[in-house]
Amino acid sequence: MYAVGGNAEAASVSGISVFKVTMGVFIMAGIFYESGAFLEAFRANASAGTGQGYELDAIAACVVGVIIFTGLTYCLTFLGIDTNLQFVFKGFIITAVALDSVKYLKK
């Protein structure tokens, strides 16, 4: 999937079936979307307005995440921290966010 998204022509030349990979990704995405919608419908007692406003939350989360990681990368590079160690710092942040979100799942 990464190779096809990066350069479909190069992936095709290297023997990867671009059509099959693309169709597989769309099928998997559809299954995951369907599963999420199915679970959300049970959780929220689905109505016509279920999920309204979620798109803004998703966009805000992406923008905030990008700003945090970009700022962290700039700061660590400015401080002269090794690139491999920068991945460790990013991993710590992702782990902290994941552990923080667990407390909301318990509620």
PDB file of N, CA and C in Angstrom:
ATOM      1  N   MET A   1       0.828  -1.176   0.000  1.00  0.00           N
ATOM      2  CA  MET A   1       0.000   0.000   0.000  1.00  0.00           C
ATOM      3  C   MET A   1       0.877   1.245   0.000  1.00  0.00           C
ATOM      4  N   TYR A   2       1.946   1.208   0.765  1.00  0.00           N
ATOM      5  CA  TYR A   2       2.846   2.361   0.828  1.00  0.00           C
ATOM      6  C   TYR A   2       3.526   2.573  -0.523  1.00  0.00           C
ATOM      7  N   ALA A   3       3.943   1.474  -1.160  1.00  0.00           N
ATOM      8  CA  ALA A   3       4.616   1.586  -2.452  1.00  0.00           C
ATOM      9  C   ALA A   3       3.669   2.117  -3.518  1.00  0.00           C
ATOM     10  N   VAL A   4       2.444   1.639  -3.531  1.00  0.00           N
ATOM     11  CA  VAL A   4       1.468   2.084  -4.529  1.00  0.00           C
ATOM     12  C   VAL A   4       1.133   3.554  -4.321  1.00  0.00           C
ATOM     13  N   GLY A   5       0.979   3.971  -3.080  1.00  0.00           N
ATOM     14  CA  GLY A   5       0.670   5.368  -2.808  1.00  0.00           C
ATOM     15  C   GLY A   5       1.825   6.290  -3.114  1.00  0.00           C
ATOM     16  N   GLY A   6       3.052   5.815  -2.937  1.00  0.00           N
ATOM     17  CA  GLY A   6       4.218   6.648  -3.202  1.00  0.00           C
ATOM     18  C   GLY A   6       4.472   6.840  -4.684  1.00  0.00           C
ATOM     19  N   ASN A   7       4.403   5.742  -5.451  1.00  0.00           N
ATOM     20  CA  ASN A   7       4.639   5.821  -6.887  1.00  0.00           C
ATOM     21  C   ASN A   7       4.019   4.588  -7.520  1.00  0.00           C
ATOM     22  N   ALA A   8       2.837   4.744  -8.057  1.00  0.00           N
ATOM     23  CA  ALA A   8       2.094   3.607  -8.611  1.00  0.00           C
ATOM     24  C   ALA A   8       2.821   2.982  -9.797  1.00  0.00           C
ATOM     25  N   GLU A   9       3.468   3.804 -10.595  1.00  0.00           N
ATOM     26  CA  GLU A   9       4.178   3.275 -11.767  1.00  0.00           C
ATOM     27  C   GLU A   9       5.367   2.417 -11.343  1.00  0.00           C
ATOM     28  N   ALA A  10       6.130   2.885 -10.354  1.00  0.00           N
ATOM     29  CA  ALA A  10       7.265   2.105  -9.861  1.00  0.00           C
ATOM     30  C   ALA A  10       6.797   0.812  -9.199  1.00  0.00           C
ATOM     31  N   ALA A  11       5.679   0.870  -8.484  1.00  0.00           N
ATOM     32  CA  ALA A  11       5.136  -0.336  -7.859  1.00  0.00           C
ATOM     33  C   ALA A  11       4.707  -1.335  -8.918  1.00  0.00           C
ATOM     34  N   SER A  12       4.110  -0.852  -9.989  1.00  0.00           N
ATOM     35  CA  SER A  12       3.687  -1.733 -11.080  1.00  0.00           C
ATOM     36  C   SER A  12       4.884  -2.393 -11.749  1.00  0.00           C
ATOM     37  N   VAL A  13       5.939  -1.617 -11.975  1.00  0.00           N
ATOM     38  CA  VAL A  13       7.143  -2.158 -12.602  1.00  0.00           C
ATOM     39  C   VAL A  13       7.815  -3.205 -11.709  1.00  0.00           C
ATOM     40  N   SER A  14       7.717  -3.030 -10.394  1.00  0.00           N
ATOM     41  CA  SER A  14       8.348  -3.973  -9.475  1.00  0.00           C
ATOM     42  C   SER A  14       7.506  -5.225  -9.239  1.00  0.00           C
ATOM     43  N   GLY A  15       6.343  -5.316  -9.893  1.00  0.00           N
ATOM     44  CA  GLY A  15       5.553  -6.530  -9.831  1.00  0.00           C
ATOM     45  C   GLY A  15       4.351  -6.479  -8.916  1.00  0.00           C
ATOM     46  N   ILE A  16       4.067  -5.335  -8.337  1.00  0.00           N
ATOM     47  CA  ILE A  16       2.909  -5.197  -7.450  1.00  0.00           C
ATOM     48  C   ILE A  16       1.684  -4.882  -8.294  1.00  0.00           C
ATOM     49  N   SER A  17       0.596  -5.590  -8.059  1.00  0.00           N
ATOM     50  CA  SER A  17      -0.642  -5.325  -8.777  1.00  0.00           C
ATOM     51  C   SER A  17      -1.313  -4.097  -8.165  1.00  0.00           C
ATOM     52  N   VAL A  18      -1.157  -2.978  -8.830  1.00  0.00           N
ATOM     53  CA  VAL A  18      -1.671  -1.709  -8.314  1.00  0.00           C
ATOM     54  C   VAL A  18      -3.192  -1.764  -8.175  1.00  0.00           C
ATOM     55  N   PHE A  19      -3.877  -2.355  -9.147  1.00  0.00           N
ATOM     56  CA  PHE A  19      -5.331  -2.435  -9.101  1.00  0.00           C
ATOM     57  C   PHE A  19      -5.789  -3.246  -7.895  1.00  0.00           C
ATOM     58  N   LYS A  20      -5.157  -4.401  -7.663  1.00  0.00           N
ATOM     59  CA  LYS A  20      -5.560  -5.258  -6.548  1.00  0.00           C
ATOM     60  C   LYS A  20      -5.307  -4.585  -5.203  1.00  0.00           C
ATOM     61  N   VAL A  21      -4.171  -3.919  -5.096  1.00  0.00           N
ATOM     62  CA  VAL A  21      -3.854  -3.231  -3.834  1.00  0.00           C
ATOM     63  C   VAL A  21      -4.837  -2.093  -3.600  1.00  0.00           C
ATOM     64  N   THR A  22      -5.120  -1.313  -4.629  1.00  0.00           N
ATOM     65  CA  THR A  22      -6.055  -0.193  -4.490  1.00  0.00           C
ATOM     66  C   THR A  22      -7.452  -0.686  -4.121  1.00  0.00           C
ATOM     67  N   MET A  23      -7.913  -1.708  -4.812  1.00  0.00           N
ATOM     68  CA  MET A  23      -9.235  -2.257  -4.498  1.00  0.00           C
ATOM     69  C   MET A  23      -9.259  -2.853  -3.089  1.00  0.00           C
ATOM     70  N   GLY A  24      -8.190  -3.518  -2.698  1.00  0.00           N
ATOM     71  CA  GLY A  24      -8.117  -4.088  -1.352  1.00  0.00           C
ATOM     72  C   GLY A  24      -8.185  -3.026  -0.273  1.00  0.00           C
ATOM     73  N   VAL A  25      -7.498  -1.927  -0.502  1.00  0.00           N
ATOM     74  CA  VAL A  25      -7.509  -0.831   0.474  1.00  0.00           C
ATOM     75  C   VAL A  25      -8.904  -0.221   0.579  1.00  0.00           C
ATOM     76  N   PHE A  26      -9.558  -0.014  -0.556  1.00  0.00           N
ATOM     77  CA  PHE A  26     -10.910   0.538  -0.515  1.00  0.00           C
ATOM     78  C   PHE A  26     -11.896  -0.423   0.140  1.00  0.00           C
ATOM     79  N   ILE A  27     -11.738  -1.710  -0.111  1.00  0.00           N
ATOM     80  CA  ILE A  27     -12.617  -2.697   0.512  1.00  0.00           C
ATOM     81  C   ILE A  27     -12.399  -2.729   2.021  1.00  0.00           C
ATOM     82  N   MET A  28     -11.127  -2.746   2.443  1.00  0.00           N
ATOM     83  CA  MET A  28     -10.833  -2.739   3.887  1.00  0.00           C
ATOM     84  C   MET A  28     -11.364  -1.474   4.544  1.00  0.00           C
ATOM     85  N   ALA A  29     -11.196  -0.325   3.888  1.00  0.00           N
ATOM     86  CA  ALA A  29     -11.701   0.928   4.453  1.00  0.00           C
ATOM     87  C   ALA A  29     -13.214   0.873   4.596  1.00  0.00           C
ATOM     88  N   GLY A  30     -13.898   0.337   3.591  1.00  0.00           N
ATOM     89  CA  GLY A  30     -15.345   0.211   3.663  1.00  0.00           C
ATOM     90  C   GLY A  30     -15.790  -0.679   4.808  1.00  0.00           C
ATOM     91  N   ILE A  31     -15.071  -1.786   5.015  1.00  0.00           N
ATOM     92  CA  ILE A  31     -15.403  -2.692   6.122  1.00  0.00           C
ATOM     93  C   ILE A  31     -15.202  -1.995   7.461  1.00  0.00           C
ATOM     94  N   PHE A  32     -14.096  -1.267   7.588  1.00  0.00           N
ATOM     95  CA  PHE A  32     -13.831  -0.572   8.851  1.00  0.00           C
ATOM     96  C   PHE A  32     -14.851   0.545   9.088  1.00  0.00           C
ATOM     97  N   TYR A  33     -15.206   1.285   8.036  1.00  0.00           N
ATOM     98  CA  TYR A  33     -16.220   2.336   8.185  1.00  0.00           C
ATOM     99  C   TYR A  33     -17.556   1.742   8.596  1.00  0.00           C
ATOM    100  N   GLU A  34     -17.909   0.636   7.955  1.00  0.00           N
ATOM    101  CA  GLU A  34     -19.174  -0.020   8.275  1.00  0.00           C
ATOM    102  C   GLU A  34     -19.181  -0.509   9.712  1.00  0.00           C
ATOM    103  N   SER A  35     -18.077  -1.096  10.146  1.00  0.00           N
ATOM    104  CA  SER A  35     -18.000  -1.597  11.517  1.00  0.00           C
ATOM    105  C   SER A  35     -18.109  -0.462  12.529  1.00  0.00           C
ATOM    106  N   GLY A  36     -17.414   0.636  12.257  1.00  0.00           N
ATOM    107  CA  GLY A  36     -17.494   1.787  13.149  1.00  0.00           C
ATOM    108  C   GLY A  36     -18.880   2.388  13.198  1.00  0.00           C
ATOM    109  N   ALA A  37     -19.529   2.498  12.050  1.00  0.00           N
ATOM    110  CA  ALA A  37     -20.884   3.038  12.006  1.00  0.00           C
ATOM    111  C   ALA A  37     -21.863   2.120  12.725  1.00  0.00           C
ATOM    112  N   PHE A  38     -21.688   0.821  12.556  1.00  0.00           N
ATOM    113  CA  PHE A  38     -22.549  -0.153  13.217  1.00  0.00           C
ATOM    114  C   PHE A  38     -22.427  -0.035  14.731  1.00  0.00           C
ATOM    115  N   LEU A  39     -21.201   0.044  15.230  1.00  0.00           N
ATOM    116  CA  LEU A  39     -20.987   0.169  16.678  1.00  0.00           C
ATOM    117  C   LEU A  39     -21.482   1.518  17.198  1.00  0.00           C
ATOM    118  N   GLU A  40     -21.273   2.570  16.421  1.00  0.00           N
ATOM    119  CA  GLU A  40     -21.737   3.899  16.832  1.00  0.00           C
ATOM    120  C   GLU A  40     -23.262   3.952  16.892  1.00  0.00           C
ATOM    121  N   ALA A  41     -23.916   3.264  15.985  1.00  0.00           N
ATOM    122  CA  ALA A  41     -25.375   3.239  15.982  1.00  0.00           C
ATOM    123  C   ALA A  41     -25.909   2.594  17.255  1.00  0.00           C
ATOM    124  N   PHE A  42     -25.269   1.549  17.724  1.00  0.00           N
ATOM    125  CA  PHE A  42     -25.702   0.916  18.962  1.00  0.00           C
ATOM    126  C   PHE A  42     -25.412   1.793  20.177  1.00  0.00           C
ATOM    127  N   ARG A  43     -24.266   2.465  20.155  1.00  0.00           N
ATOM    128  CA  ARG A  43     -23.868   3.283  21.299  1.00  0.00           C
ATOM    129  C   ARG A  43     -24.757   4.506  21.452  1.00  0.00           C
ATOM    130  N   ALA A  44     -25.132   5.122  20.353  1.00  0.00           N
ATOM    131  CA  ALA A  44     -25.808   6.417  20.415  1.00  0.00           C
ATOM    132  C   ALA A  44     -27.302   6.340  20.137  1.00  0.00           C
ATOM    133  N   ASN A  45     -27.889   5.152  20.078  1.00  0.00           N
ATOM    134  CA  ASN A  45     -29.301   5.026  19.706  1.00  0.00           C
ATOM    135  C   ASN A  45     -29.564   5.853  18.455  1.00  0.00           C
ATOM    136  N   ALA A  46     -29.103   5.365  17.345  1.00  0.00           N
ATOM    137  CA  ALA A  46     -29.008   6.089  16.080  1.00  0.00           C
ATOM    138  C   ALA A  46     -30.274   6.846  15.706  1.00  0.00           C
ATOM    139  N   SER A  47     -30.049   8.052  15.225  1.00  0.00           N
ATOM    140  CA  SER A  47     -31.116   8.883  14.675  1.00  0.00           C
ATOM    141  C   SER A  47     -30.532   9.623  13.476  1.00  0.00           C
ATOM    142  N   ALA A  48     -31.305  10.500  12.888  1.00  0.00           N
ATOM    143  CA  ALA A  48     -30.842  11.219  11.699  1.00  0.00           C
ATOM    144  C   ALA A  48     -29.652  12.132  12.013  1.00  0.00           C
ATOM    145  N   GLY A  49     -29.540  12.604  13.234  1.00  0.00           N
ATOM    146  CA  GLY A  49     -28.462  13.524  13.587  1.00  0.00           C
ATOM    147  C   GLY A  49     -27.254  12.860  14.217  1.00  0.00           C
ATOM    148  N   THR A  50     -27.244  11.538  14.280  1.00  0.00           N
ATOM    149  CA  THR A  50     -26.119  10.830  14.895  1.00  0.00           C
ATOM    150  C   THR A  50     -24.850  11.102  14.101  1.00  0.00           C
ATOM    151  N   GLY A  51     -23.811  11.497  14.781  1.00  0.00           N
ATOM    152  CA  GLY A  51     -22.528  11.756  14.136  1.00  0.00           C
ATOM    153  C   GLY A  51     -22.373  13.157  13.605  1.00  0.00           C
ATOM    154  N   GLN A  52     -23.392  13.978  13.782  1.00  0.00           N
ATOM    155  CA  GLN A  52     -23.310  15.336  13.277  1.00  0.00           C
ATOM    156  C   GLN A  52     -22.277  16.111  14.082  1.00  0.00           C
ATOM    157  N   GLY A  53     -21.331  16.720  13.399  1.00  0.00           N
ATOM    158  CA  GLY A  53     -20.276  17.480  14.047  1.00  0.00           C
ATOM    159  C   GLY A  53     -19.010  16.689  14.297  1.00  0.00           C
ATOM    160  N   TYR A  54     -19.021  15.389  14.030  1.00  0.00           N
ATOM    161  CA  TYR A  54     -17.823  14.574  14.243  1.00  0.00           C
ATOM    162  C   TYR A  54     -16.709  14.954  13.279  1.00  0.00           C
ATOM    163  N   GLU A  55     -17.063  15.430  12.096  1.00  0.00           N
ATOM    164  CA  GLU A  55     -16.036  15.763  11.112  1.00  0.00           C
ATOM    165  C   GLU A  55     -15.147  16.891  11.615  1.00  0.00           C
ATOM    166  N   LEU A  56     -15.708  17.834  12.332  1.00  0.00           N
ATOM    167  CA  LEU A  56     -14.909  18.929  12.867  1.00  0.00           C
ATOM    168  C   LEU A  56     -13.948  18.415  13.940  1.00  0.00           C
ATOM    169  N   ASP A  57     -14.399  17.471  14.757  1.00  0.00           N
ATOM    170  CA  ASP A  57     -13.519  16.874  15.759  1.00  0.00           C
ATOM    171  C   ASP A  57     -12.348  16.145  15.102  1.00  0.00           C
ATOM    172  N   ALA A  58     -12.623  15.427  14.029  1.00  0.00           N
ATOM    173  CA  ALA A  58     -11.566  14.689  13.329  1.00  0.00           C
ATOM    174  C   ALA A  58     -10.550  15.647  12.713  1.00  0.00           C
ATOM    175  N   ILE A  59     -11.034  16.709  12.090  1.00  0.00           N
ATOM    176  CA  ILE A  59     -10.122  17.676  11.478  1.00  0.00           C
ATOM    177  C   ILE A  59      -9.291  18.370  12.550  1.00  0.00           C
ATOM    178  N   ALA A  60      -9.909  18.751  13.647  1.00  0.00           N
ATOM    179  CA  ALA A  60      -9.183  19.424  14.730  1.00  0.00           C
ATOM    180  C   ALA A  60      -8.123  18.505  15.324  1.00  0.00           C
ATOM    181  N   ALA A  61      -8.455  17.230  15.497  1.00  0.00           N
ATOM    182  CA  ALA A  61      -7.475  16.289  16.048  1.00  0.00           C
ATOM    183  C   ALA A  61      -6.279  16.138  15.119  1.00  0.00           C
ATOM    184  N   CYS A  62      -6.524  16.086  13.829  1.00  0.00           N
ATOM    185  CA  CYS A  62      -5.423  15.963  12.869  1.00  0.00           C
ATOM    186  C   CYS A  62      -4.545  17.211  12.870  1.00  0.00           C
ATOM    187  N   VAL A  63      -5.170  18.368  12.879  1.00  0.00           N
ATOM    188  CA  VAL A  63      -4.404  19.615  12.850  1.00  0.00           C
ATOM    189  C   VAL A  63      -3.571  19.765  14.113  1.00  0.00           C
ATOM    190  N   VAL A  64      -4.170  19.492  15.257  1.00  0.00           N
ATOM    191  CA  VAL A  64      -3.429  19.610  16.522  1.00  0.00           C
ATOM    192  C   VAL A  64      -2.285  18.601  16.558  1.00  0.00           C
ATOM    193  N   GLY A  65      -2.539  17.371  16.108  1.00  0.00           N
ATOM    194  CA  GLY A  65      -1.487  16.352  16.091  1.00  0.00           C
ATOM    195  C   GLY A  65      -0.328  16.732  15.199  1.00  0.00           C
ATOM    196  N   VAL A  66      -0.641  17.267  14.036  1.00  0.00           N
ATOM    197  CA  VAL A  66       0.418  17.680  13.112  1.00  0.00           C
ATOM    198  C   VAL A  66       1.228  18.822  13.702  1.00  0.00           C
ATOM    199  N   ILE A  67       0.560  19.774  14.317  1.00  0.00           N
ATOM    200  CA  ILE A  67       1.275  20.907  14.917  1.00  0.00           C
ATOM    201  C   ILE A  67       2.198  20.427  16.034  1.00  0.00           C
ATOM    202  N   ILE A  68       1.718  19.515  16.861  1.00  0.00           N
ATOM    203  CA  ILE A  68       2.545  19.011  17.970  1.00  0.00           C
ATOM    204  C   ILE A  68       3.763  18.269  17.442  1.00  0.00           C
ATOM    205  N   PHE A  69       3.558  17.352  16.504  1.00  0.00           N
ATOM    206  CA  PHE A  69       4.680  16.560  16.013  1.00  0.00           C
ATOM    207  C   PHE A  69       5.655  17.386  15.185  1.00  0.00           C
ATOM    208  N   THR A  70       5.155  18.340  14.419  1.00  0.00           N
ATOM    209  CA  THR A  70       6.053  19.206  13.653  1.00  0.00           C
ATOM    210  C   THR A  70       6.880  20.085  14.588  1.00  0.00           C
ATOM    211  N   GLY A  71       6.234  20.661  15.578  1.00  0.00           N
ATOM    212  CA  GLY A  71       6.968  21.466  16.557  1.00  0.00           C
ATOM    213  C   GLY A  71       8.002  20.652  17.313  1.00  0.00           C
ATOM    214  N   LEU A  72       7.645  19.431  17.685  1.00  0.00           N
ATOM    215  CA  LEU A  72       8.592  18.555  18.376  1.00  0.00           C
ATOM    216  C   LEU A  72       9.782  18.230  17.484  1.00  0.00           C
ATOM    217  N   THR A  73       9.521  17.938  16.212  1.00  0.00           N
ATOM    218  CA  THR A  73      10.613  17.629  15.287  1.00  0.00           C
ATOM    219  C   THR A  73      11.544  18.820  15.118  1.00  0.00           C
ATOM    220  N   TYR A  74      10.981  20.020  14.960  1.00  0.00           N
ATOM    221  CA  TYR A  74      11.805  21.216  14.818  1.00  0.00           C
ATOM    222  C   TYR A  74      12.652  21.461  16.064  1.00  0.00           C
ATOM    223  N   CYS A  75      12.036  21.309  17.223  1.00  0.00           N
ATOM    224  CA  CYS A  75      12.762  21.556  18.472  1.00  0.00           C
ATOM    225  C   CYS A  75      13.889  20.545  18.678  1.00  0.00           C
ATOM    226  N   LEU A  76      13.593  19.282  18.456  1.00  0.00           N
ATOM    227  CA  LEU A  76      14.615  18.252  18.655  1.00  0.00           C
ATOM    228  C   LEU A  76      15.742  18.377  17.645  1.00  0.00           C
ATOM    229  N   THR A  77      15.417  18.753  16.421  1.00  0.00           N
ATOM    230  CA  THR A  77      16.458  18.963  15.408  1.00  0.00           C
ATOM    231  C   THR A  77      17.313  20.167  15.774  1.00  0.00           C
ATOM    232  N   PHE A  78      16.683  21.224  16.257  1.00  0.00           N
ATOM    233  CA  PHE A  78      17.415  22.421  16.673  1.00  0.00           C
ATOM    234  C   PHE A  78      18.358  22.117  17.834  1.00  0.00           C
ATOM    235  N   LEU A  79      17.926  21.219  18.736  1.00  0.00           N
ATOM    236  CA  LEU A  79      18.762  20.846  19.876  1.00  0.00           C
ATOM    237  C   LEU A  79      19.854  19.849  19.512  1.00  0.00           C
ATOM    238  N   GLY A  80      19.823  19.351  18.281  1.00  0.00           N
ATOM    239  CA  GLY A  80      20.862  18.431  17.828  1.00  0.00           C
ATOM    240  C   GLY A  80      20.639  16.992  18.264  1.00  0.00           C
ATOM    241  N   ILE A  81      19.407  16.630  18.569  1.00  0.00           N
ATOM    242  CA  ILE A  81      19.085  15.271  18.984  1.00  0.00           C
ATOM    243  C   ILE A  81      19.115  14.362  17.753  1.00  0.00           C
ATOM    244  N   ASP A  82      19.674  13.154  17.919  1.00  0.00           N
ATOM    245  CA  ASP A  82      19.763  12.190  16.835  1.00  0.00           C
ATOM    246  C   ASP A  82      18.375  11.849  16.296  1.00  0.00           C
ATOM    247  N   THR A  83      18.306  11.605  14.992  1.00  0.00           N
ATOM    248  CA  THR A  83      17.024  11.327  14.348  1.00  0.00           C
ATOM    249  C   THR A  83      16.364  10.087  14.920  1.00  0.00           C
ATOM    250  N   ASN A  84      17.141   9.047  15.199  1.00  0.00           N
ATOM    251  CA  ASN A  84      16.558   7.827  15.759  1.00  0.00           C
ATOM    252  C   ASN A  84      15.967   8.071  17.142  1.00  0.00           C
ATOM    253  N   LEU A  85      16.607   8.917  17.919  1.00  0.00           N
ATOM    254  CA  LEU A  85      16.097   9.237  19.248  1.00  0.00           C
ATOM    255  C   LEU A  85      14.824  10.082  19.163  1.00  0.00           C
ATOM    256  N   GLN A  86      14.675  10.838  18.079  1.00  0.00           N
ATOM    257  CA  GLN A  86      13.456  11.617  17.880  1.00  0.00           C
ATOM    258  C   GLN A  86      12.239  10.698  17.744  1.00  0.00           C
ATOM    259  N   PHE A  87      12.431   9.547  17.090  1.00  0.00           N
ATOM    260  CA  PHE A  87      11.335   8.578  16.982  1.00  0.00           C
ATOM    261  C   PHE A  87      10.937   8.045  18.350  1.00  0.00           C
ATOM    262  N   VAL A  88      11.909   7.902  19.242  1.00  0.00           N
ATOM    263  CA  VAL A  88      11.614   7.430  20.595  1.00  0.00           C
ATOM    264  C   VAL A  88      10.752   8.460  21.321  1.00  0.00           C
ATOM    265  N   PHE A  89      11.097   9.736  21.200  1.00  0.00           N
ATOM    266  CA  PHE A  89      10.298  10.788  21.832  1.00  0.00           C
ATOM    267  C   PHE A  89       8.872  10.803  21.285  1.00  0.00           C
ATOM    268  N   LYS A  90       8.740  10.654  19.960  1.00  0.00           N
ATOM    269  CA  LYS A  90       7.402  10.627  19.359  1.00  0.00           C
ATOM    270  C   LYS A  90       6.628   9.404  19.848  1.00  0.00           C
ATOM    271  N   GLY A  91       7.320   8.284  20.006  1.00  0.00           N
ATOM    272  CA  GLY A  91       6.667   7.083  20.527  1.00  0.00           C
ATOM    273  C   GLY A  91       6.170   7.278  21.946  1.00  0.00           C
ATOM    274  N   PHE A  92       6.942   7.988  22.763  1.00  0.00           N
ATOM    275  CA  PHE A  92       6.499   8.283  24.126  1.00  0.00           C
ATOM    276  C   PHE A  92       5.222   9.121  24.119  1.00  0.00           C
ATOM    277  N   ILE A  93       5.157  10.090  23.230  1.00  0.00           N
ATOM    278  CA  ILE A  93       3.963  10.932  23.156  1.00  0.00           C
ATOM    279  C   ILE A  93       2.752  10.113  22.724  1.00  0.00           C
ATOM    280  N   ILE A  94       2.934   9.269  21.717  1.00  0.00           N
ATOM    281  CA  ILE A  94       1.822   8.430  21.254  1.00  0.00           C
ATOM    282  C   ILE A  94       1.367   7.490  22.363  1.00  0.00           C
ATOM    283  N   THR A  95       2.319   6.913  23.100  1.00  0.00           N
ATOM    284  CA  THR A  95       1.978   6.022  24.211  1.00  0.00           C
ATOM    285  C   THR A  95       1.231   6.767  25.300  1.00  0.00           C
ATOM    286  N   ALA A  96       1.678   7.981  25.613  1.00  0.00           N
ATOM    287  CA  ALA A  96       1.004   8.773  26.646  1.00  0.00           C
ATOM    288  C   ALA A  96      -0.426   9.110  26.237  1.00  0.00           C
ATOM    289  N   VAL A  97      -0.629   9.461  24.981  1.00  0.00           N
ATOM    290  CA  VAL A  97      -1.979   9.768  24.507  1.00  0.00           C
ATOM    291  C   VAL A  97      -2.854   8.521  24.554  1.00  0.00           C
ATOM    292  N   ALA A  98      -2.285   7.381  24.156  1.00  0.00           N
ATOM    293  CA  ALA A  98      -3.052   6.130  24.182  1.00  0.00           C
ATOM    294  C   ALA A  98      -3.443   5.762  25.607  1.00  0.00           C
ATOM    295  N   LEU A  99      -2.510   5.889  26.541  1.00  0.00           N
ATOM    296  CA  LEU A  99      -2.813   5.573  27.935  1.00  0.00           C
ATOM    297  C   LEU A  99      -3.825   6.559  28.518  1.00  0.00           C
ATOM    298  N   ASP A 100      -3.742   7.821  28.095  1.00  0.00           N
ATOM    299  CA  ASP A 100      -4.696   8.813  28.570  1.00  0.00           C
ATOM    300  C   ASP A 100      -6.099   8.524  28.045  1.00  0.00           C
ATOM    301  N   SER A 101      -6.179   8.036  26.813  1.00  0.00           N
ATOM    302  CA  SER A 101      -7.496   7.750  26.249  1.00  0.00           C
ATOM    303  C   SER A 101      -8.131   6.512  26.874  1.00  0.00           C
ATOM    304  N   VAL A 102      -7.344   5.661  27.503  1.00  0.00           N
ATOM    305  CA  VAL A 102      -7.890   4.462  28.149  1.00  0.00           C
ATOM    306  C   VAL A 102      -8.824   4.851  29.305  1.00  0.00           C
ATOM    307  N   LYS A 103      -8.487   5.927  30.016  1.00  0.00           N
ATOM    308  CA  LYS A 103      -9.348   6.332  31.128  1.00  0.00           C
ATOM    309  C   LYS A 103     -10.729   6.776  30.661  1.00  0.00           C
ATOM    310  N   TYR A 104     -10.812   7.305  29.417  1.00  0.00           N
ATOM    311  CA  TYR A 104     -12.138   7.669  28.902  1.00  0.00           C
ATOM    312  C   TYR A 104     -12.919   6.457  28.465  1.00  0.00           C
ATOM    313  N   LEU A 105     -12.223   5.400  28.071  1.00  0.00           N
ATOM    314  CA  LEU A 105     -12.924   4.175  27.681  1.00  0.00           C
ATOM    315  C   LEU A 105     -13.543   3.476  28.891  1.00  0.00           C
ATOM    316  N   LYS A 106     -12.937   3.663  30.053  1.00  0.00           N
ATOM    317  CA  LYS A 106     -13.434   3.012  31.268  1.00  0.00           C
ATOM    318  C   LYS A 106     -14.701   3.677  31.788  1.00  0.00           C
ATOM    319  N   LYS A 107     -14.947   4.928  31.409  1.00  0.00           N
ATOM    320  CA  LYS A 107     -16.122   5.667  31.913  1.00  0.00           C
ATOM    321  C   LYS A 107     -17.380   5.185  31.331  1.00  0.00           C
TER     322      LYS A 107
END
